[in-house]
């Protein structure tokens, strides 16, 4: 078997492994959302670094009448930008049930308390980097997002490629 045949075989195997890993991460990121009330969101900001980074997917579970406790990571409607979600750690629970939250990477707690009605759920699962192209696209970095899509398309083409009969006999 020639070195070119080996290189092709290894490339095809690598593409298949890479696509299988990406598919597995996508399943992990979205399968819990099939449970009643569970949902997933893409992380866009740096406030929870290094534990949670832009491009990660966070799957969260509804509270179902329970109140969050200090040190739990919650997903809330952002009090400063009501059209966005915020993933932060509970720094303190006030007597009226409002939460003081803080990003792990922020020097101070958030200035606006979060009312209980804004709590979407508790973060339960982080799938790293699976939504990195989405995060870059939303931030306007279209070159990176397009590059990733082209790389996946190339890997798909390679993964579907049949190797020669000489390679298959090995």
N, C-alpha and C. Protein backbone atom coordinates (compact mmCIF):
# COMPACT_ATOMS: atom_id res chain seq x y z
N UNK A 1 0.85 -1.17 0.00
CA UNK A 1 0.00 0.00 0.00
C UNK A 1 0.90 1.24 0.00
N UNK A 2 0.61 2.18 -0.87
CA UNK A 2 1.45 3.36 -1.00
C UNK A 2 1.21 4.33 0.15
N UNK A 3 2.15 5.23 0.32
CA UNK A 3 2.01 6.23 1.39
C UNK A 3 0.84 7.16 1.09
N UNK A 4 0.55 7.39 -0.19
CA UNK A 4 -0.59 8.24 -0.55
C UNK A 4 -1.90 7.58 -0.13
N UNK A 5 -2.00 6.26 -0.33
CA UNK A 5 -3.20 5.53 0.08
C UNK A 5 -3.38 5.57 1.59
N UNK A 6 -2.27 5.43 2.32
CA UNK A 6 -2.34 5.51 3.78
C UNK A 6 -2.80 6.90 4.23
N UNK A 7 -2.25 7.93 3.58
CA UNK A 7 -2.61 9.30 3.92
C UNK A 7 -4.09 9.54 3.67
N UNK A 8 -4.60 9.04 2.53
CA UNK A 8 -6.03 9.17 2.23
C UNK A 8 -6.87 8.44 3.27
N UNK A 9 -6.47 7.23 3.60
CA UNK A 9 -7.21 6.45 4.59
C UNK A 9 -7.25 7.17 5.94
N UNK A 10 -6.11 7.66 6.39
CA UNK A 10 -6.06 8.36 7.67
C UNK A 10 -6.87 9.65 7.64
N UNK A 11 -6.85 10.35 6.50
CA UNK A 11 -7.63 11.58 6.37
C UNK A 11 -9.12 11.30 6.43
N UNK A 12 -9.55 10.26 5.74
CA UNK A 12 -10.98 9.89 5.75
C UNK A 12 -11.39 9.47 7.17
N UNK A 13 -10.56 8.69 7.82
CA UNK A 13 -10.87 8.27 9.20
C UNK A 13 -10.93 9.48 10.12
N UNK A 14 -9.99 10.40 9.98
CA UNK A 14 -9.98 11.62 10.80
C UNK A 14 -11.22 12.47 10.57
N UNK A 15 -11.65 12.60 9.32
CA UNK A 15 -12.86 13.36 9.01
C UNK A 15 -14.08 12.70 9.62
N UNK A 16 -14.16 11.38 9.54
CA UNK A 16 -15.30 10.67 10.13
C UNK A 16 -15.33 10.81 11.65
N UNK A 17 -14.17 10.72 12.27
CA UNK A 17 -14.10 10.89 13.73
C UNK A 17 -14.50 12.31 14.11
N UNK A 18 -13.96 13.31 13.39
CA UNK A 18 -14.29 14.70 13.68
C UNK A 18 -15.77 14.99 13.55
N UNK A 19 -16.38 14.51 12.49
CA UNK A 19 -17.82 14.71 12.30
C UNK A 19 -18.64 13.97 13.36
N UNK A 20 -18.20 12.78 13.73
CA UNK A 20 -18.91 12.02 14.77
C UNK A 20 -18.85 12.76 16.11
N UNK A 21 -17.69 13.32 16.43
CA UNK A 21 -17.55 14.08 17.68
C UNK A 21 -18.45 15.32 17.65
N UNK A 22 -18.46 16.04 16.53
CA UNK A 22 -19.30 17.23 16.42
C UNK A 22 -20.78 16.86 16.55
N UNK A 23 -21.18 15.78 15.90
CA UNK A 23 -22.58 15.33 16.00
C UNK A 23 -22.92 14.95 17.44
N UNK A 24 -22.00 14.26 18.11
CA UNK A 24 -22.24 13.89 19.51
C UNK A 24 -22.40 15.10 20.41
N UNK A 25 -21.56 16.11 20.22
CA UNK A 25 -21.67 17.34 21.02
C UNK A 25 -22.99 18.06 20.74
N UNK A 26 -23.40 18.09 19.48
CA UNK A 26 -24.68 18.72 19.15
C UNK A 26 -25.84 17.98 19.80
N UNK A 27 -25.76 16.67 19.82
CA UNK A 27 -26.82 15.89 20.47
C UNK A 27 -26.84 16.18 21.97
N UNK A 28 -25.66 16.19 22.62
CA UNK A 28 -25.59 16.51 24.05
C UNK A 28 -26.14 17.90 24.33
N UNK A 29 -25.91 18.84 23.41
CA UNK A 29 -26.35 20.21 23.62
C UNK A 29 -27.86 20.36 23.49
N UNK A 30 -28.49 19.51 22.69
CA UNK A 30 -29.91 19.72 22.42
C UNK A 30 -30.84 18.62 22.93
N UNK A 31 -30.33 17.45 23.23
CA UNK A 31 -31.19 16.36 23.71
C UNK A 31 -31.92 16.71 25.01
N UNK A 32 -31.25 17.34 26.00
CA UNK A 32 -31.99 17.68 27.22
C UNK A 32 -33.15 18.64 26.98
N UNK A 33 -33.07 19.42 25.91
CA UNK A 33 -34.15 20.36 25.61
C UNK A 33 -35.44 19.64 25.21
N UNK A 34 -35.36 18.34 24.97
CA UNK A 34 -36.56 17.55 24.69
C UNK A 34 -37.37 17.30 25.96
N UNK A 35 -36.74 17.45 27.13
CA UNK A 35 -37.44 17.28 28.39
C UNK A 35 -38.32 18.50 28.65
N UNK A 36 -39.47 18.32 29.27
CA UNK A 36 -40.38 19.44 29.49
C UNK A 36 -39.71 20.58 30.28
N UNK A 37 -39.72 21.77 29.68
CA UNK A 37 -39.20 22.96 30.34
C UNK A 37 -37.71 23.18 30.17
N UNK A 38 -36.95 22.15 29.87
CA UNK A 38 -35.51 22.31 29.69
C UNK A 38 -35.27 23.08 28.40
N UNK A 39 -34.18 23.83 28.38
CA UNK A 39 -33.84 24.60 27.20
C UNK A 39 -32.33 24.77 27.12
N UNK A 40 -31.86 25.30 26.02
CA UNK A 40 -30.43 25.52 25.82
C UNK A 40 -30.21 26.92 25.27
N UNK A 41 -29.07 27.49 25.57
CA UNK A 41 -28.72 28.80 25.05
C UNK A 41 -27.23 28.85 24.73
N UNK A 42 -26.90 29.68 23.77
CA UNK A 42 -25.51 29.87 23.36
C UNK A 42 -24.90 30.99 24.18
N UNK A 43 -23.71 30.76 24.73
CA UNK A 43 -23.01 31.78 25.51
C UNK A 43 -22.30 32.72 24.55
N UNK A 44 -22.50 34.04 24.77
CA UNK A 44 -21.88 35.04 23.91
C UNK A 44 -20.82 35.87 24.63
N UNK A 45 -20.96 36.03 25.95
CA UNK A 45 -20.06 36.92 26.68
C UNK A 45 -18.98 36.20 27.45
N UNK A 46 -18.04 36.99 27.99
CA UNK A 46 -16.89 36.48 28.74
C UNK A 46 -17.08 36.50 30.26
N UNK A 47 -18.24 36.90 30.74
CA UNK A 47 -18.39 37.15 32.18
C UNK A 47 -18.24 35.91 33.06
N UNK A 48 -18.38 34.72 32.51
CA UNK A 48 -18.28 33.50 33.33
C UNK A 48 -17.00 32.71 33.05
N UNK A 49 -16.06 33.32 32.35
CA UNK A 49 -14.78 32.65 32.09
C UNK A 49 -14.08 32.36 33.40
N UNK A 50 -13.31 31.35 33.55
CA UNK A 50 -12.93 30.35 32.56
C UNK A 50 -13.88 29.16 32.51
N UNK A 51 -14.85 29.07 33.41
CA UNK A 51 -15.73 27.89 33.44
C UNK A 51 -16.65 27.82 32.22
N UNK A 52 -17.16 28.97 31.79
CA UNK A 52 -18.07 29.02 30.66
C UNK A 52 -17.55 30.10 29.71
N UNK A 53 -17.41 29.76 28.43
CA UNK A 53 -16.81 30.68 27.47
C UNK A 53 -17.75 30.91 26.28
N UNK A 54 -17.52 31.98 25.53
CA UNK A 54 -18.32 32.19 24.32
C UNK A 54 -18.22 30.99 23.39
N UNK A 55 -19.37 30.61 22.84
CA UNK A 55 -19.42 29.44 21.97
C UNK A 55 -19.85 28.18 22.68
N UNK A 56 -19.86 28.20 24.01
CA UNK A 56 -20.38 27.06 24.77
C UNK A 56 -21.91 27.08 24.69
N UNK A 57 -22.51 25.92 24.83
CA UNK A 57 -23.96 25.83 24.97
C UNK A 57 -24.24 25.44 26.41
N UNK A 58 -25.14 26.17 27.06
CA UNK A 58 -25.55 25.86 28.42
C UNK A 58 -26.99 25.37 28.38
N UNK A 59 -27.21 24.18 28.92
CA UNK A 59 -28.54 23.60 29.02
C UNK A 59 -29.03 23.88 30.43
N UNK A 60 -30.26 24.38 30.52
CA UNK A 60 -30.78 24.73 31.85
C UNK A 60 -32.14 24.10 32.11
N UNK A 61 -32.38 23.89 33.40
CA UNK A 61 -33.58 23.20 33.89
C UNK A 61 -34.48 24.21 34.60
N UNK A 62 -35.78 24.14 34.39
CA UNK A 62 -36.68 25.06 35.11
C UNK A 62 -36.64 24.81 36.62
N UNK A 63 -36.93 25.85 37.37
CA UNK A 63 -36.88 25.74 38.84
C UNK A 63 -38.06 24.98 39.42
N UNK A 64 -39.19 25.00 38.77
CA UNK A 64 -40.40 24.30 39.24
C UNK A 64 -40.74 24.64 40.70
N UNK A 65 -40.85 25.94 40.96
CA UNK A 65 -41.27 26.38 42.29
C UNK A 65 -40.17 26.49 43.32
N UNK A 66 -38.98 25.99 43.03
CA UNK A 66 -37.87 26.10 43.97
C UNK A 66 -37.17 27.44 43.78
N UNK A 67 -36.56 27.92 44.82
CA UNK A 67 -35.78 29.16 44.74
C UNK A 67 -34.31 28.82 44.57
N UNK A 68 -33.61 29.57 43.72
CA UNK A 68 -32.17 29.31 43.58
C UNK A 68 -31.43 29.68 44.86
N UNK A 69 -30.30 29.03 45.06
CA UNK A 69 -29.49 29.28 46.26
C UNK A 69 -28.19 29.96 45.86
N UNK A 70 -27.55 30.56 46.84
CA UNK A 70 -26.26 31.19 46.59
C UNK A 70 -25.29 30.17 45.99
N UNK A 71 -24.48 30.63 45.07
CA UNK A 71 -23.43 29.88 44.39
C UNK A 71 -23.94 29.01 43.24
N UNK A 72 -25.25 28.95 43.02
CA UNK A 72 -25.76 28.21 41.87
C UNK A 72 -25.67 29.10 40.63
N UNK A 73 -25.48 28.48 39.48
CA UNK A 73 -25.45 29.22 38.22
C UNK A 73 -26.86 29.20 37.64
N UNK A 74 -27.36 30.41 37.36
CA UNK A 74 -28.72 30.54 36.86
C UNK A 74 -28.73 31.20 35.48
N UNK A 75 -29.80 30.92 34.76
CA UNK A 75 -30.05 31.59 33.49
C UNK A 75 -31.25 32.49 33.74
N UNK A 76 -31.05 33.80 33.52
CA UNK A 76 -32.09 34.78 33.80
C UNK A 76 -32.26 35.71 32.61
N UNK A 77 -33.42 36.36 32.55
CA UNK A 77 -33.60 37.43 31.59
C UNK A 77 -32.75 38.59 32.07
N UNK A 78 -31.89 39.09 31.22
CA UNK A 78 -30.95 40.15 31.58
C UNK A 78 -31.73 41.41 31.95
N UNK A 79 -31.60 41.89 33.21
CA UNK A 79 -32.35 43.10 33.60
C UNK A 79 -31.91 44.34 32.82
N UNK A 80 -30.67 44.36 32.36
CA UNK A 80 -30.18 45.52 31.60
C UNK A 80 -30.60 45.45 30.12
N UNK A 81 -30.76 44.22 29.59
CA UNK A 81 -31.17 44.01 28.19
C UNK A 81 -32.21 42.91 28.16
N UNK A 82 -33.48 43.25 28.33
CA UNK A 82 -34.54 42.24 28.47
C UNK A 82 -34.72 41.29 27.29
N UNK A 83 -34.10 41.57 26.16
CA UNK A 83 -34.23 40.65 25.02
C UNK A 83 -33.17 39.57 25.04
N UNK A 84 -32.26 39.62 26.01
CA UNK A 84 -31.17 38.65 26.09
C UNK A 84 -31.22 37.87 27.39
N UNK A 85 -30.58 36.70 27.36
CA UNK A 85 -30.44 35.91 28.58
C UNK A 85 -29.06 36.17 29.18
N UNK A 86 -28.97 35.99 30.48
CA UNK A 86 -27.73 36.19 31.22
C UNK A 86 -27.45 34.93 32.03
N UNK A 87 -26.23 34.44 31.95
CA UNK A 87 -25.84 33.26 32.72
C UNK A 87 -24.84 33.75 33.76
N UNK A 88 -25.26 33.77 35.02
CA UNK A 88 -24.40 34.24 36.11
C UNK A 88 -24.62 33.38 37.35
N UNK A 89 -23.70 33.52 38.27
CA UNK A 89 -23.77 32.82 39.54
C UNK A 89 -24.55 33.66 40.55
N UNK A 90 -25.36 33.01 41.39
CA UNK A 90 -26.10 33.73 42.43
C UNK A 90 -25.11 34.09 43.54
N UNK A 91 -24.96 35.39 43.77
CA UNK A 91 -24.07 35.87 44.82
C UNK A 91 -24.82 35.97 46.15
N UNK A 92 -26.11 36.34 46.04
CA UNK A 92 -26.91 36.52 47.25
C UNK A 92 -28.38 36.48 46.89
N UNK A 93 -29.19 35.92 47.78
CA UNK A 93 -30.64 35.93 47.63
C UNK A 93 -31.19 36.91 48.66
N UNK A 94 -31.90 37.93 48.19
CA UNK A 94 -32.47 38.94 49.08
C UNK A 94 -33.75 38.40 49.73
N UNK A 95 -34.19 39.06 50.78
CA UNK A 95 -35.40 38.61 51.50
C UNK A 95 -36.64 38.58 50.62
N UNK A 96 -36.71 39.50 49.66
CA UNK A 96 -37.88 39.55 48.78
C UNK A 96 -37.79 38.53 47.63
N UNK A 97 -36.73 37.72 47.63
CA UNK A 97 -36.56 36.69 46.61
C UNK A 97 -35.75 37.14 45.40
N UNK A 98 -35.45 38.45 45.31
CA UNK A 98 -34.63 38.93 44.21
C UNK A 98 -33.21 38.39 44.37
N UNK A 99 -32.54 38.23 43.24
CA UNK A 99 -31.18 37.68 43.25
C UNK A 99 -30.16 38.76 42.92
N UNK A 100 -29.05 38.71 43.63
CA UNK A 100 -27.87 39.48 43.25
C UNK A 100 -26.96 38.47 42.57
N UNK A 101 -26.66 38.74 41.30
CA UNK A 101 -25.85 37.80 40.53
C UNK A 101 -24.50 38.42 40.21
N UNK A 102 -23.59 37.57 39.80
CA UNK A 102 -22.26 38.03 39.41
C UNK A 102 -21.65 37.05 38.43
N UNK A 103 -20.94 37.60 37.47
CA UNK A 103 -20.16 36.75 36.58
C UNK A 103 -18.88 36.35 37.27
N UNK A 104 -18.44 35.12 37.10
CA UNK A 104 -17.20 34.64 37.75
C UNK A 104 -16.00 35.48 37.34
N UNK A 105 -16.04 36.08 36.15
CA UNK A 105 -14.93 36.85 35.62
C UNK A 105 -15.07 38.35 35.90
N UNK A 106 -16.16 38.75 36.55
CA UNK A 106 -16.40 40.16 36.82
C UNK A 106 -15.86 40.53 38.20
N UNK A 107 -15.32 41.75 38.35
CA UNK A 107 -14.76 42.16 39.64
C UNK A 107 -15.80 42.45 40.71
N UNK A 108 -17.03 42.74 40.31
CA UNK A 108 -18.07 43.10 41.28
C UNK A 108 -19.37 42.40 40.91
N UNK A 109 -20.30 42.40 41.85
CA UNK A 109 -21.62 41.82 41.59
C UNK A 109 -22.38 42.72 40.64
N UNK A 110 -23.42 42.18 40.02
CA UNK A 110 -24.26 42.96 39.11
C UNK A 110 -25.03 44.01 39.89
N UNK A 111 -25.23 45.17 39.29
CA UNK A 111 -25.85 46.29 39.99
C UNK A 111 -27.37 46.18 40.07
N UNK A 112 -27.99 45.45 39.16
CA UNK A 112 -29.44 45.36 39.14
C UNK A 112 -29.90 44.00 39.67
N UNK A 113 -30.67 43.99 40.76
CA UNK A 113 -31.20 42.71 41.26
C UNK A 113 -32.14 42.06 40.24
N UNK A 114 -32.15 40.75 40.23
CA UNK A 114 -32.99 39.99 39.29
C UNK A 114 -34.23 39.51 40.04
N UNK A 115 -35.42 39.91 39.56
CA UNK A 115 -36.64 39.42 40.22
C UNK A 115 -36.85 37.93 39.96
N UNK A 116 -37.52 37.23 40.86
CA UNK A 116 -37.74 35.79 40.68
C UNK A 116 -38.43 35.44 39.36
N UNK A 117 -39.27 36.32 38.87
CA UNK A 117 -39.98 36.05 37.61
C UNK A 117 -39.04 36.03 36.39
N UNK A 118 -37.85 36.59 36.54
CA UNK A 118 -36.89 36.62 35.43
C UNK A 118 -35.98 35.39 35.38
N UNK A 119 -36.07 34.54 36.38
CA UNK A 119 -35.22 33.35 36.41
C UNK A 119 -35.80 32.31 35.47
N UNK A 120 -35.00 31.94 34.47
CA UNK A 120 -35.43 30.94 33.49
C UNK A 120 -35.13 29.52 33.95
N UNK A 121 -34.03 29.36 34.71
CA UNK A 121 -33.69 28.04 35.20
C UNK A 121 -32.28 27.95 35.74
N UNK A 122 -31.93 26.74 36.19
CA UNK A 122 -30.59 26.46 36.71
C UNK A 122 -29.75 25.82 35.61
N UNK A 123 -28.53 26.30 35.46
CA UNK A 123 -27.62 25.71 34.49
C UNK A 123 -27.26 24.31 34.95
N UNK A 124 -27.41 23.33 34.06
CA UNK A 124 -27.15 21.94 34.43
C UNK A 124 -26.07 21.28 33.59
N UNK A 125 -25.84 21.77 32.37
CA UNK A 125 -24.89 21.12 31.48
C UNK A 125 -24.24 22.17 30.60
N UNK A 126 -22.92 22.05 30.44
CA UNK A 126 -22.17 22.93 29.53
C UNK A 126 -21.56 22.05 28.46
N UNK A 127 -21.83 22.39 27.21
CA UNK A 127 -21.23 21.69 26.08
C UNK A 127 -20.24 22.67 25.47
N UNK A 128 -18.94 22.42 25.63
CA UNK A 128 -17.94 23.41 25.21
C UNK A 128 -17.81 23.56 23.71
N UNK A 129 -17.70 24.79 23.29
CA UNK A 129 -17.34 25.22 21.93
C UNK A 129 -18.23 24.74 20.80
N UNK A 130 -19.30 24.04 21.07
CA UNK A 130 -20.12 23.48 19.99
C UNK A 130 -20.81 24.58 19.18
N UNK A 131 -21.04 25.72 19.78
CA UNK A 131 -21.73 26.82 19.08
C UNK A 131 -20.78 27.98 18.78
N UNK A 132 -19.50 27.71 18.71
CA UNK A 132 -18.52 28.75 18.42
C UNK A 132 -18.82 29.49 17.12
N UNK A 133 -19.19 28.79 16.04
CA UNK A 133 -19.55 29.54 14.82
C UNK A 133 -20.74 30.48 15.03
N UNK A 134 -21.73 30.04 15.81
CA UNK A 134 -22.90 30.87 16.10
C UNK A 134 -22.47 32.12 16.87
N UNK A 135 -21.63 31.95 17.88
CA UNK A 135 -21.16 33.09 18.68
C UNK A 135 -20.40 34.08 17.80
N UNK A 136 -19.53 33.58 16.95
CA UNK A 136 -18.78 34.48 16.07
C UNK A 136 -19.71 35.18 15.08
N UNK A 137 -20.68 34.47 14.54
CA UNK A 137 -21.62 35.07 13.60
C UNK A 137 -22.39 36.19 14.27
N UNK A 138 -22.88 35.96 15.50
CA UNK A 138 -23.66 36.98 16.21
C UNK A 138 -22.82 38.20 16.58
N UNK A 139 -21.51 38.01 16.70
CA UNK A 139 -20.61 39.12 17.00
C UNK A 139 -20.11 39.80 15.73
N UNK A 140 -20.55 39.32 14.56
CA UNK A 140 -20.17 39.95 13.30
C UNK A 140 -18.90 39.42 12.68
N UNK A 141 -18.32 38.36 13.24
CA UNK A 141 -17.11 37.76 12.68
C UNK A 141 -17.53 36.69 11.67
N UNK A 142 -17.97 37.15 10.50
CA UNK A 142 -18.50 36.25 9.49
C UNK A 142 -17.43 35.38 8.85
N UNK A 143 -16.19 35.86 8.82
CA UNK A 143 -15.10 35.09 8.21
C UNK A 143 -14.87 33.80 8.98
N UNK A 144 -14.79 33.88 10.31
CA UNK A 144 -14.57 32.68 11.12
C UNK A 144 -15.74 31.71 10.95
N UNK A 145 -16.97 32.21 11.08
CA UNK A 145 -18.15 31.34 10.98
C UNK A 145 -18.21 30.66 9.61
N UNK A 146 -17.94 31.41 8.56
CA UNK A 146 -17.94 30.84 7.22
C UNK A 146 -16.82 29.80 7.07
N UNK A 147 -15.65 30.08 7.64
CA UNK A 147 -14.53 29.14 7.60
C UNK A 147 -14.88 27.82 8.26
N UNK A 148 -15.55 27.89 9.39
CA UNK A 148 -15.95 26.66 10.09
C UNK A 148 -16.95 25.88 9.24
N UNK A 149 -17.91 26.57 8.66
CA UNK A 149 -18.89 25.89 7.82
C UNK A 149 -18.22 25.24 6.60
N UNK A 150 -17.25 25.92 6.00
CA UNK A 150 -16.53 25.33 4.88
C UNK A 150 -15.70 24.12 5.32
N UNK A 151 -15.10 24.21 6.51
CA UNK A 151 -14.33 23.07 7.03
C UNK A 151 -15.23 21.87 7.27
N UNK A 152 -16.41 22.09 7.83
CA UNK A 152 -17.36 20.99 8.05
C UNK A 152 -17.81 20.40 6.72
N UNK A 153 -18.05 21.27 5.74
CA UNK A 153 -18.43 20.77 4.41
C UNK A 153 -17.31 19.92 3.81
N UNK A 154 -16.07 20.37 3.96
CA UNK A 154 -14.93 19.60 3.45
C UNK A 154 -14.78 18.27 4.17
N UNK A 155 -14.96 18.30 5.50
CA UNK A 155 -14.88 17.05 6.26
C UNK A 155 -15.99 16.09 5.86
N UNK A 156 -17.18 16.63 5.58
CA UNK A 156 -18.30 15.79 5.16
C UNK A 156 -17.99 15.12 3.82
N UNK A 157 -17.42 15.89 2.93
CA UNK A 157 -17.06 15.34 1.62
C UNK A 157 -16.00 14.25 1.77
N UNK A 158 -14.99 14.50 2.61
CA UNK A 158 -13.95 13.50 2.85
C UNK A 158 -14.51 12.26 3.54
N UNK A 159 -15.37 12.48 4.53
CA UNK A 159 -15.91 11.36 5.30
C UNK A 159 -16.73 10.42 4.42
N UNK A 160 -17.37 10.97 3.40
CA UNK A 160 -18.19 10.16 2.51
C UNK A 160 -17.40 9.50 1.40
N UNK A 161 -16.14 9.83 1.33
CA UNK A 161 -15.31 9.31 0.25
C UNK A 161 -14.97 7.83 0.50
N UNK A 162 -15.03 7.06 -0.55
CA UNK A 162 -14.63 5.67 -0.47
C UNK A 162 -13.14 5.59 -0.76
N UNK A 163 -12.46 4.77 -0.01
CA UNK A 163 -11.04 4.56 -0.28
C UNK A 163 -10.90 3.50 -1.35
N UNK A 164 -9.73 3.39 -1.94
CA UNK A 164 -9.51 2.44 -3.03
C UNK A 164 -9.67 1.00 -2.56
N UNK A 165 -9.85 0.10 -3.49
CA UNK A 165 -10.01 -1.31 -3.12
C UNK A 165 -8.76 -1.86 -2.47
N UNK A 166 -7.59 -1.31 -2.82
CA UNK A 166 -6.35 -1.75 -2.18
C UNK A 166 -6.34 -1.37 -0.71
N UNK A 167 -6.87 -0.19 -0.42
CA UNK A 167 -6.93 0.27 0.97
C UNK A 167 -7.96 -0.55 1.74
N UNK A 168 -9.08 -0.85 1.09
CA UNK A 168 -10.14 -1.59 1.77
C UNK A 168 -9.71 -3.00 2.11
N UNK A 169 -8.77 -3.54 1.36
CA UNK A 169 -8.33 -4.91 1.61
C UNK A 169 -7.42 -5.01 2.83
N UNK A 170 -6.91 -3.89 3.30
CA UNK A 170 -5.97 -3.92 4.43
C UNK A 170 -6.68 -4.12 5.72
